[in-house]
């Protein structure tokens, strides 16, 4: 009786009531997506920092993750092109997923043979390949989620995908750091490659989506086949984006909304290393404890969407991000203080988990059929492009100014994010939801 009168418990109960077997598949795919993610980001950053690389070099090295930002270029190809032999037997989505996972595993093995102390070039090439095949895998997983999950369960699916993603990050973050401490960085990356083999088994277990067909446009016979293919692959999804008249405003919001979260994630490793925290302290607090709170944040994000709606949740999340930015400023002034570190990492991780869930649900609400996968990839890739650009800029800026000034600038960047969301996206909320309901009914 007590629980029945508890609104918070009832909200969590309703959230899990909407869970079915498809949601658990999204959870597993989220884990697969998160497993290689940190291996080209913060884990790689700590590897480079430990080997004596400058903050500028570490920031510039984040360019290897550019495939996450430009995956919209080949996303339509994944939608249209069929793989000989495999597509007939596994289906279009699963065949592409299998190929990307095999190549990703091989790239991780190659990355493990590199030594950044001797030469950064082989590490940069192999890390770029890991990011490319991981980004291709993400394209397929995002398409699978959109094609199998209804709009009603969008928030729940985003929450569970975030949870799976964070567990994957836990393995490639804290797990890789533990392995590097016990053995070496090379062995750590080889074990990560071995673990990625198990994702191939998941590809055989999940079913192919019922419908992955995209309506092709009608063109005049005078048009050349190449131009028709180019228009079908790249132009048509943009032309049929329901909110293309406000596209630049949406992209500006994405940039500022992700900027603070991006800088805190990418520069936390060199920042904590500069303060004198060891690998074990970094793994225990920033990875193990932090990623656990990210999972909690992902659940809270799904709950917020269910209770408040996507737009109010995004507004609240943007405000909460300011708290995490200020905590990093306090940490920079406090120095090597483990107690402050727990609060700092806790605030940032909780906000990061909520941001990921709400961000995925928000972008999904902006997508329209039949090009939902292409629309989502385009918007999400822009967020990734902002992540790479701001990571490289933040690394250079950290060498020019103090850490406290850098984190205060992150706090200031949240102001235009709130203004854009309140002044632009909130005005389109009713039209977006109405169009999605009409599309689902059709």
Protein backbone atom coordinates (compact mmCIF):
# COMPACT_ATOMS: atom_id res chain seq x y z
CA UNK A 1 0.00 0.00 0.00
CA UNK A 2 2.85 2.35 0.78
CA UNK A 3 4.43 1.76 -2.63
CA UNK A 4 1.14 2.28 -4.40
CA UNK A 5 0.94 5.79 -2.95
CA UNK A 6 4.50 6.57 -3.94
CA UNK A 7 4.52 8.42 -7.25
CA UNK A 8 8.23 7.84 -7.83
CA UNK A 9 7.90 4.09 -7.42
CA UNK A 10 4.81 4.09 -9.64
CA UNK A 11 6.73 5.93 -12.35
CA UNK A 12 9.56 3.39 -12.29
CA UNK A 13 6.99 0.59 -12.28
CA UNK A 14 5.27 2.04 -15.37
CA UNK A 15 8.66 2.47 -17.04
CA UNK A 16 9.53 -1.22 -16.65
CA UNK A 17 5.97 -2.34 -17.49
CA UNK A 18 6.58 -1.11 -21.03
CA UNK A 19 9.68 -3.31 -21.36
CA UNK A 20 9.43 -6.29 -23.71
CA UNK A 21 11.91 -8.58 -25.41
CA UNK A 22 12.67 -5.95 -28.05
CA UNK A 23 13.84 -3.55 -25.36
CA UNK A 24 16.25 -6.15 -24.01
CA UNK A 25 17.66 -6.58 -27.52
CA UNK A 26 18.25 -2.82 -27.58
CA UNK A 27 19.97 -3.13 -24.19
CA UNK A 28 22.31 -5.80 -25.57
CA UNK A 29 22.99 -3.80 -28.74
CA UNK A 30 23.72 -0.74 -26.62
CA UNK A 31 26.39 -2.76 -24.81
CA UNK A 32 27.89 -3.81 -28.15
CA UNK A 33 27.93 -0.16 -29.25
CA UNK A 34 29.57 1.07 -26.05
CA UNK A 35 32.29 -1.58 -25.86
CA UNK A 36 34.76 0.00 -28.36
CA UNK A 37 33.73 3.63 -27.74
CA UNK A 38 36.18 4.68 -24.99
CA UNK A 39 39.05 2.79 -26.60
CA UNK A 40 39.52 5.72 -29.00
CA UNK A 41 38.58 8.41 -26.45
CA UNK A 42 39.31 8.72 -22.70
CA UNK A 43 41.07 5.34 -22.35
CA UNK A 44 43.30 6.19 -25.28
CA UNK A 45 43.79 9.71 -23.82
CA UNK A 46 45.07 8.27 -20.55
CA UNK A 47 47.38 5.91 -22.46
CA UNK A 48 48.84 8.89 -24.31
CA UNK A 49 49.03 11.06 -21.17
CA UNK A 50 50.89 8.33 -19.29
CA UNK A 51 53.40 8.08 -22.14
CA UNK A 52 54.12 11.82 -21.86
CA UNK A 53 52.05 13.30 -24.69
CA UNK A 54 51.10 16.99 -24.35
CA UNK A 55 47.50 18.14 -23.86
CA UNK A 56 47.58 19.62 -27.35
CA UNK A 57 48.64 16.27 -28.84
CA UNK A 58 45.98 14.44 -26.85
CA UNK A 59 43.29 16.88 -27.96
CA UNK A 60 44.38 16.66 -31.60
CA UNK A 61 44.51 12.86 -31.36
CA UNK A 62 40.74 12.91 -30.81
CA UNK A 63 40.53 13.55 -34.57
CA UNK A 64 40.79 9.77 -34.95
CA UNK A 65 37.15 9.62 -33.82
CA UNK A 66 36.00 11.72 -36.80
CA UNK A 67 34.20 8.70 -38.36
CA UNK A 68 31.61 9.07 -35.59
CA UNK A 69 31.00 12.60 -36.87
CA UNK A 70 30.86 11.81 -40.59
CA UNK A 71 29.01 8.50 -40.52
CA UNK A 72 26.00 10.23 -42.10
CA UNK A 73 27.97 10.14 -45.37
CA UNK A 74 27.81 6.35 -45.71
CA UNK A 75 24.66 5.80 -43.65
CA UNK A 76 22.41 5.92 -46.76
CA UNK A 77 24.67 3.33 -48.40
CA UNK A 78 24.04 1.01 -45.46
CA UNK A 79 20.31 1.61 -46.00
CA UNK A 80 20.32 0.81 -49.72
CA UNK A 81 23.22 -1.54 -50.59
CA UNK A 82 22.82 -5.28 -50.20
CA UNK A 83 25.84 -7.46 -49.36
CA UNK A 84 26.14 -10.46 -51.72
CA UNK A 85 25.49 -13.87 -50.17
CA UNK A 86 24.99 -12.50 -46.62
CA UNK A 87 21.94 -10.31 -47.18
CA UNK A 88 19.88 -13.19 -48.55
CA UNK A 89 20.67 -15.31 -45.49
CA UNK A 90 20.83 -12.81 -42.63
CA UNK A 91 18.90 -9.81 -43.91
CA UNK A 92 20.14 -6.32 -44.70
CA UNK A 93 20.65 -5.06 -41.15
CA UNK A 94 22.25 -8.17 -39.70
CA UNK A 95 24.56 -8.72 -42.69
CA UNK A 96 25.97 -5.19 -42.40
CA UNK A 97 26.25 -5.62 -38.63
CA UNK A 98 28.22 -8.85 -39.02
CA UNK A 99 30.72 -7.34 -41.48
CA UNK A 100 31.30 -4.25 -39.34
CA UNK A 101 31.87 -6.37 -36.20
CA UNK A 102 34.42 -8.64 -37.87
CA UNK A 103 36.43 -5.68 -39.22
CA UNK A 104 36.14 -3.88 -35.87
CA UNK A 105 37.61 -6.88 -34.05
CA UNK A 106 40.55 -7.09 -36.46
CA UNK A 107 41.24 -3.36 -36.08
CA UNK A 108 41.29 -3.64 -32.28
CA UNK A 109 43.81 -6.48 -32.49
CA UNK A 110 46.01 -4.33 -34.75
CA UNK A 111 45.70 -1.37 -32.38
CA UNK A 112 47.01 -3.53 -29.55
CA UNK A 113 50.33 -4.02 -31.36
CA UNK A 114 51.05 -0.26 -31.43
CA UNK A 115 53.43 1.60 -29.13
CA UNK A 116 52.76 5.37 -28.89
CA UNK A 117 56.11 6.00 -27.17
CA UNK A 118 57.90 4.97 -30.36
CA UNK A 119 55.56 6.11 -33.14
CA UNK A 120 52.11 7.71 -33.01
CA UNK A 121 51.27 7.17 -36.70
CA UNK A 122 50.38 3.41 -36.57
CA UNK A 123 48.29 4.04 -33.46
CA UNK A 124 46.48 6.88 -35.19
CA UNK A 125 45.70 4.77 -38.27
CA UNK A 126 44.45 1.74 -36.36
CA UNK A 127 42.44 3.93 -33.94
CA UNK A 128 40.79 5.61 -36.93
CA UNK A 129 39.85 2.19 -38.35
CA UNK A 130 38.38 1.17 -34.99
CA UNK A 131 36.31 4.36 -34.92
CA UNK A 132 35.18 3.85 -38.54
CA UNK A 133 33.91 0.30 -38.09
CA UNK A 134 32.45 1.15 -34.68
CA UNK A 135 30.58 4.09 -36.25
CA UNK A 136 29.28 1.80 -39.02
CA UNK A 137 28.07 -0.61 -36.35
CA UNK A 138 26.29 2.29 -34.61
CA UNK A 139 24.48 3.24 -37.82
CA UNK A 140 22.95 -0.23 -38.01
CA UNK A 141 22.10 -0.37 -34.31
CA UNK A 142 20.35 3.02 -34.46
CA UNK A 143 18.40 1.92 -37.52
CA UNK A 144 17.46 -1.34 -35.79
CA UNK A 145 16.16 0.55 -32.75
CA UNK A 146 14.07 2.99 -34.79
CA UNK A 147 12.60 0.24 -36.96
CA UNK A 148 11.68 -2.11 -34.11
CA UNK A 149 10.58 0.26 -31.31
CA UNK A 150 7.32 2.22 -31.41
CA UNK A 151 7.13 5.94 -30.64
CA UNK A 152 5.33 5.12 -27.39
CA UNK A 153 8.37 3.25 -26.08
CA UNK A 154 10.92 5.73 -27.48
CA UNK A 155 11.96 7.01 -24.05
CA UNK A 156 12.20 3.52 -22.56
CA UNK A 157 14.29 2.28 -25.50
CA UNK A 158 16.60 5.30 -25.23
CA UNK A 159 17.05 4.64 -21.50
CA UNK A 160 17.90 0.97 -21.95
CA UNK A 161 20.19 1.65 -24.90
CA UNK A 162 22.03 4.17 -22.72
CA UNK A 163 22.30 1.62 -19.89
CA UNK A 164 23.75 -1.00 -22.23
CA UNK A 165 26.08 1.58 -23.73
CA UNK A 166 27.35 2.57 -20.28
CA UNK A 167 28.03 -1.06 -19.33
CA UNK A 168 30.04 -1.38 -22.53
CA UNK A 169 31.92 1.78 -21.55
CA UNK A 170 32.55 0.27 -18.11
CA UNK A 171 34.39 -2.63 -19.76
CA UNK A 172 36.40 -0.45 -22.17
CA UNK A 173 37.00 2.19 -19.49
CA UNK A 174 37.60 0.76 -16.02
CA UNK A 175 38.20 -2.75 -17.39
CA UNK A 176 40.89 -1.62 -19.83
CA UNK A 177 42.57 0.51 -17.16
CA UNK A 178 42.66 -2.41 -14.71
CA UNK A 179 44.13 -4.68 -17.37
CA UNK A 180 46.72 -2.06 -18.32
CA UNK A 181 47.72 -1.71 -14.65
CA UNK A 182 48.07 -5.47 -14.21
CA UNK A 183 49.77 -6.18 -17.54
CA UNK A 184 50.21 -3.63 -20.33
CA UNK A 185 48.18 -1.40 -22.62
CA UNK A 186 48.85 -3.75 -25.54
CA UNK A 187 47.41 -6.74 -23.68
CA UNK A 188 44.45 -4.66 -22.53
CA UNK A 189 43.49 -3.79 -26.12
CA UNK A 190 43.94 -7.38 -27.27
CA UNK A 191 41.55 -8.58 -24.56
CA UNK A 192 39.04 -5.89 -25.63
CA UNK A 193 39.31 -7.24 -29.17
CA UNK A 194 38.67 -10.76 -27.91
CA UNK A 195 35.55 -9.58 -26.04
CA UNK A 196 34.20 -7.92 -29.17
CA UNK A 197 34.04 -11.36 -30.83
CA UNK A 198 31.07 -12.22 -28.61
CA UNK A 199 29.03 -9.42 -30.20
CA UNK A 200 29.02 -11.47 -33.40
CA UNK A 201 26.96 -14.14 -31.64
CA UNK A 202 24.35 -11.52 -30.76
CA UNK A 203 23.96 -10.71 -34.45
CA UNK A 204 22.84 -14.30 -35.09
CA UNK A 205 20.39 -14.25 -32.16
CA UNK A 206 18.44 -11.07 -32.93
CA UNK A 207 15.78 -11.16 -35.67
CA UNK A 208 15.87 -9.00 -38.77
CA UNK A 209 13.43 -6.03 -38.63
CA UNK A 210 10.14 -6.73 -40.39
CA UNK A 211 10.50 -3.81 -42.77
CA UNK A 212 13.63 -1.92 -43.72
CA UNK A 213 12.42 -0.71 -47.10
CA UNK A 214 12.94 2.94 -48.04
CA UNK A 215 10.72 4.45 -50.70
CA UNK A 216 12.77 5.45 -53.70
CA UNK A 217 12.00 8.71 -55.55
CA UNK A 218 10.68 8.91 -59.10
CA UNK A 219 13.02 10.60 -61.58
CA UNK A 220 12.88 11.56 -65.21
CA UNK A 221 14.48 9.17 -67.69
CA UNK A 222 16.69 12.03 -68.86
CA UNK A 223 18.54 12.02 -65.57
CA UNK A 224 21.69 9.93 -65.46
CA UNK A 225 21.74 6.83 -63.25
CA UNK A 226 24.56 8.28 -61.12
CA UNK A 227 22.59 11.44 -60.38
CA UNK A 228 19.53 9.41 -59.52
CA UNK A 229 21.50 7.25 -57.08
CA UNK A 230 23.13 10.32 -55.53
CA UNK A 231 19.75 12.03 -55.08
CA UNK A 232 18.20 8.87 -53.65
CA UNK A 233 21.09 8.31 -51.24
CA UNK A 234 21.80 11.81 -49.96
CA UNK A 235 19.42 14.51 -51.21
CA UNK A 236 16.01 12.92 -50.65
CA UNK A 237 16.40 12.28 -46.88
CA UNK A 238 17.26 15.96 -46.36
CA UNK A 239 14.45 17.17 -48.63
CA UNK A 240 11.94 15.09 -46.69
CA UNK A 241 13.14 16.27 -43.27
CA UNK A 242 10.01 17.78 -41.75
CA UNK A 243 11.85 20.59 -39.97
CA UNK A 244 14.42 21.58 -42.59
CA UNK A 245 13.37 25.25 -42.34
CA UNK A 246 14.61 25.24 -38.73
CA UNK A 247 17.54 22.91 -39.35
CA UNK A 248 20.26 25.46 -38.59
CA UNK A 249 18.59 26.31 -35.28
CA UNK A 250 18.36 22.62 -34.36
CA UNK A 251 22.04 22.12 -35.23
CA UNK A 252 23.02 25.14 -33.12
CA UNK A 253 21.12 23.70 -30.18
CA UNK A 254 22.83 20.32 -30.63
CA UNK A 255 26.24 22.00 -30.60
CA UNK A 256 25.73 23.93 -27.37
CA UNK A 257 23.78 21.14 -25.67
CA UNK A 258 26.63 18.65 -26.20
CA UNK A 259 29.54 21.06 -25.75
CA UNK A 260 29.84 20.92 -21.95
CA UNK A 261 29.31 17.16 -21.78
CA UNK A 262 31.92 16.68 -24.52
CA UNK A 263 34.64 18.80 -22.94
CA UNK A 264 34.19 17.24 -19.50
CA UNK A 265 34.34 13.71 -20.95
CA UNK A 266 37.30 14.24 -23.27
CA UNK A 267 39.51 16.29 -20.92
CA UNK A 268 38.74 14.55 -17.62
CA UNK A 269 41.56 12.00 -18.14
CA UNK A 270 44.42 14.51 -18.72
CA UNK A 271 42.90 16.81 -16.07
CA UNK A 272 42.91 14.14 -13.35
CA UNK A 273 46.30 12.86 -14.47
CA UNK A 274 47.64 16.43 -14.19
CA UNK A 275 46.27 16.65 -10.63
CA UNK A 276 48.26 13.52 -9.72
CA UNK A 277 45.54 10.86 -9.61
CA UNK A 278 46.84 7.36 -10.42
CA UNK A 279 45.41 4.86 -12.91
CA UNK A 280 43.69 2.94 -10.12
CA UNK A 281 42.13 6.08 -8.63
CA UNK A 282 41.00 7.14 -12.09
CA UNK A 283 39.56 3.68 -12.78
CA UNK A 284 37.82 3.33 -9.40
CA UNK A 285 36.25 6.77 -9.26
CA UNK A 286 36.02 8.16 -12.77
CA UNK A 287 35.20 4.84 -14.48
CA UNK A 288 33.73 2.30 -12.08
CA UNK A 289 31.84 4.73 -9.84
CA UNK A 290 31.20 7.22 -12.63
CA UNK A 291 29.80 4.78 -15.16
CA UNK A 292 27.58 3.22 -12.49
CA UNK A 293 26.04 6.65 -11.92
CA UNK A 294 25.72 7.08 -15.68
CA UNK A 295 23.49 4.00 -15.69
CA UNK A 296 21.39 5.54 -12.90
CA UNK A 297 21.29 8.78 -14.89
CA UNK A 298 20.07 6.89 -17.94
CA UNK A 299 17.17 5.45 -15.96
CA UNK A 300 16.36 8.86 -14.51
CA UNK A 301 16.40 10.30 -18.02
CA UNK A 302 13.83 7.73 -19.17
CA UNK A 303 11.72 8.48 -16.10
CA UNK A 304 11.91 12.22 -16.74
CA UNK A 305 10.76 11.75 -20.33
CA UNK A 306 7.82 9.67 -19.16
CA UNK A 307 6.81 12.18 -16.48
CA UNK A 308 7.77 15.56 -18.00
CA UNK A 309 8.07 14.97 -21.74
CA UNK A 310 11.14 15.24 -23.94
CA UNK A 311 11.43 19.03 -24.09
CA UNK A 312 11.01 19.83 -20.40
CA UNK A 313 13.46 17.01 -19.62
CA UNK A 314 16.03 18.46 -22.01
CA UNK A 315 15.61 21.89 -20.39
CA UNK A 316 16.14 20.48 -16.90
CA UNK A 317 19.13 18.43 -18.06
CA UNK A 318 20.81 21.52 -19.56
CA UNK A 319 20.44 23.33 -16.23
CA UNK A 320 21.85 20.36 -14.29
CA UNK A 321 24.88 20.24 -16.56
CA UNK A 322 25.92 23.64 -15.22
CA UNK A 323 26.32 22.05 -11.78
CA UNK A 324 28.79 19.45 -13.10
CA UNK A 325 30.81 22.16 -14.87
CA UNK A 326 31.06 24.16 -11.65
CA UNK A 327 32.12 21.05 -9.70
CA UNK A 328 35.05 20.54 -12.09
CA UNK A 329 36.03 24.14 -11.42
CA UNK A 330 35.98 23.43 -7.67
CA UNK A 331 38.06 20.27 -8.24
CA UNK A 332 40.69 22.25 -10.14
CA UNK A 333 40.99 24.66 -7.21
CA UNK A 334 41.02 21.87 -4.61
CA UNK A 335 43.73 19.80 -6.31
CA UNK A 336 44.31 16.15 -5.37
CA UNK A 337 41.29 15.66 -3.11
CA UNK A 338 39.57 12.26 -3.36
CA UNK A 339 36.45 13.43 -1.50
CA UNK A 340 35.85 16.31 -3.88
CA UNK A 341 36.60 13.95 -6.77
CA UNK A 342 33.73 11.66 -5.72
CA UNK A 343 31.28 14.58 -5.78
CA UNK A 344 32.68 15.97 -9.04
CA UNK A 345 32.59 12.66 -10.90
CA UNK A 346 29.21 11.79 -9.39
CA UNK A 347 27.59 15.03 -10.59
CA UNK A 348 29.15 14.83 -14.05
CA UNK A 349 28.35 11.15 -14.55
CA UNK A 350 24.74 11.46 -13.43
CA UNK A 351 24.18 14.41 -15.76
CA UNK A 352 25.99 12.63 -18.60
CA UNK A 353 23.71 9.59 -18.27
CA UNK A 354 20.59 11.75 -18.35
CA UNK A 355 21.95 13.78 -21.26
CA UNK A 356 22.56 10.68 -23.39
CA UNK A 357 19.07 9.27 -22.85
CA UNK A 358 17.27 12.57 -23.39
CA UNK A 359 19.46 13.47 -26.38
CA UNK A 360 18.69 10.18 -28.15
CA UNK A 361 14.95 10.53 -27.47
CA UNK A 362 14.98 14.17 -28.60
CA UNK A 363 16.70 13.43 -31.91
CA UNK A 364 14.40 10.45 -32.50
CA UNK A 365 11.38 12.72 -32.06
CA UNK A 366 12.68 14.96 -34.85
CA UNK A 367 12.98 12.08 -37.36
CA UNK A 368 10.21 11.23 -39.83
CA UNK A 369 9.49 8.15 -41.93
CA UNK A 370 10.60 6.64 -44.23
CA UNK A 371 14.09 8.09 -43.66
CA UNK A 372 14.21 7.85 -39.87
CA UNK A 373 17.61 6.14 -39.79
CA UNK A 374 19.21 8.66 -42.17
CA UNK A 375 17.69 11.61 -40.28
CA UNK A 376 18.87 10.30 -36.92
CA UNK A 377 22.38 9.58 -38.20
CA UNK A 378 22.64 13.06 -39.74
CA UNK A 379 21.65 14.83 -36.51
CA UNK A 380 23.64 12.52 -34.24
CA UNK A 381 26.71 12.75 -36.48
CA UNK A 382 26.62 16.52 -36.19
CA UNK A 383 26.70 16.10 -32.43
CA UNK A 384 29.72 13.80 -32.83
CA UNK A 385 31.40 16.33 -35.13
CA UNK A 386 30.94 18.97 -32.45
CA UNK A 387 32.45 16.53 -29.96
CA UNK A 388 35.61 16.03 -32.04
CA UNK A 389 35.99 19.74 -32.79
CA UNK A 390 35.50 20.85 -29.21
CA UNK A 391 37.79 18.07 -27.91
CA UNK A 392 40.64 19.25 -30.13
CA UNK A 393 39.95 22.89 -29.23
CA UNK A 394 39.68 22.08 -25.51
CA UNK A 395 43.07 20.33 -25.57
CA UNK A 396 44.72 23.41 -27.07
CA UNK A 397 42.86 25.74 -24.72
CA UNK A 398 43.88 23.68 -21.67
CA UNK A 399 47.52 24.39 -22.55
CA UNK A 400 46.81 28.13 -22.80
CA UNK A 401 44.60 28.79 -19.76
CA UNK A 402 44.06 27.21 -16.36
CA UNK A 403 41.70 24.27 -15.86
CA UNK A 404 39.30 26.41 -13.84
CA UNK A 405 38.92 28.93 -16.68
CA UNK A 406 38.27 26.10 -19.13
CA UNK A 407 35.46 24.66 -17.00
CA UNK A 408 33.95 28.10 -16.42
CA UNK A 409 33.75 28.53 -20.20
CA UNK A 410 31.87 25.21 -20.33
CA UNK A 411 29.40 26.61 -17.82
CA UNK A 412 28.88 29.74 -19.96
CA UNK A 413 28.20 27.61 -23.06
CA UNK A 414 25.00 26.26 -21.48
CA UNK A 415 23.29 29.66 -21.65
CA UNK A 416 22.69 29.65 -25.44
CA UNK A 417 21.64 26.00 -25.17
CA UNK A 418 18.79 26.88 -22.82
CA UNK A 419 17.84 29.91 -24.91
CA UNK A 420 17.67 27.90 -28.14
CA UNK A 421 15.63 25.11 -26.59
CA UNK A 422 13.20 27.49 -24.95
CA UNK A 423 12.88 29.93 -27.84
CA UNK A 424 12.93 27.57 -30.85
CA UNK A 425 12.35 23.89 -30.17
CA UNK A 426 9.59 24.38 -27.62
CA UNK A 427 7.59 26.22 -30.29
CA UNK A 428 7.69 23.17 -32.55
CA UNK A 429 6.80 20.58 -29.90
CA UNK A 430 3.14 20.22 -30.84
CA UNK A 431 3.80 20.00 -34.58
CA UNK A 432 6.55 17.38 -34.06
CA UNK A 433 4.39 15.17 -31.89
CA UNK A 434 1.41 15.54 -34.26
CA UNK A 435 3.51 14.55 -37.28
CA UNK A 436 4.92 11.50 -35.49
CA UNK A 437 1.41 10.35 -34.51
CA UNK A 438 0.21 10.73 -38.10
CA UNK A 439 3.26 8.82 -39.41
CA UNK A 440 2.74 5.98 -36.93
CA UNK A 441 -0.97 5.80 -37.77
CA UNK A 442 -0.20 5.65 -41.48
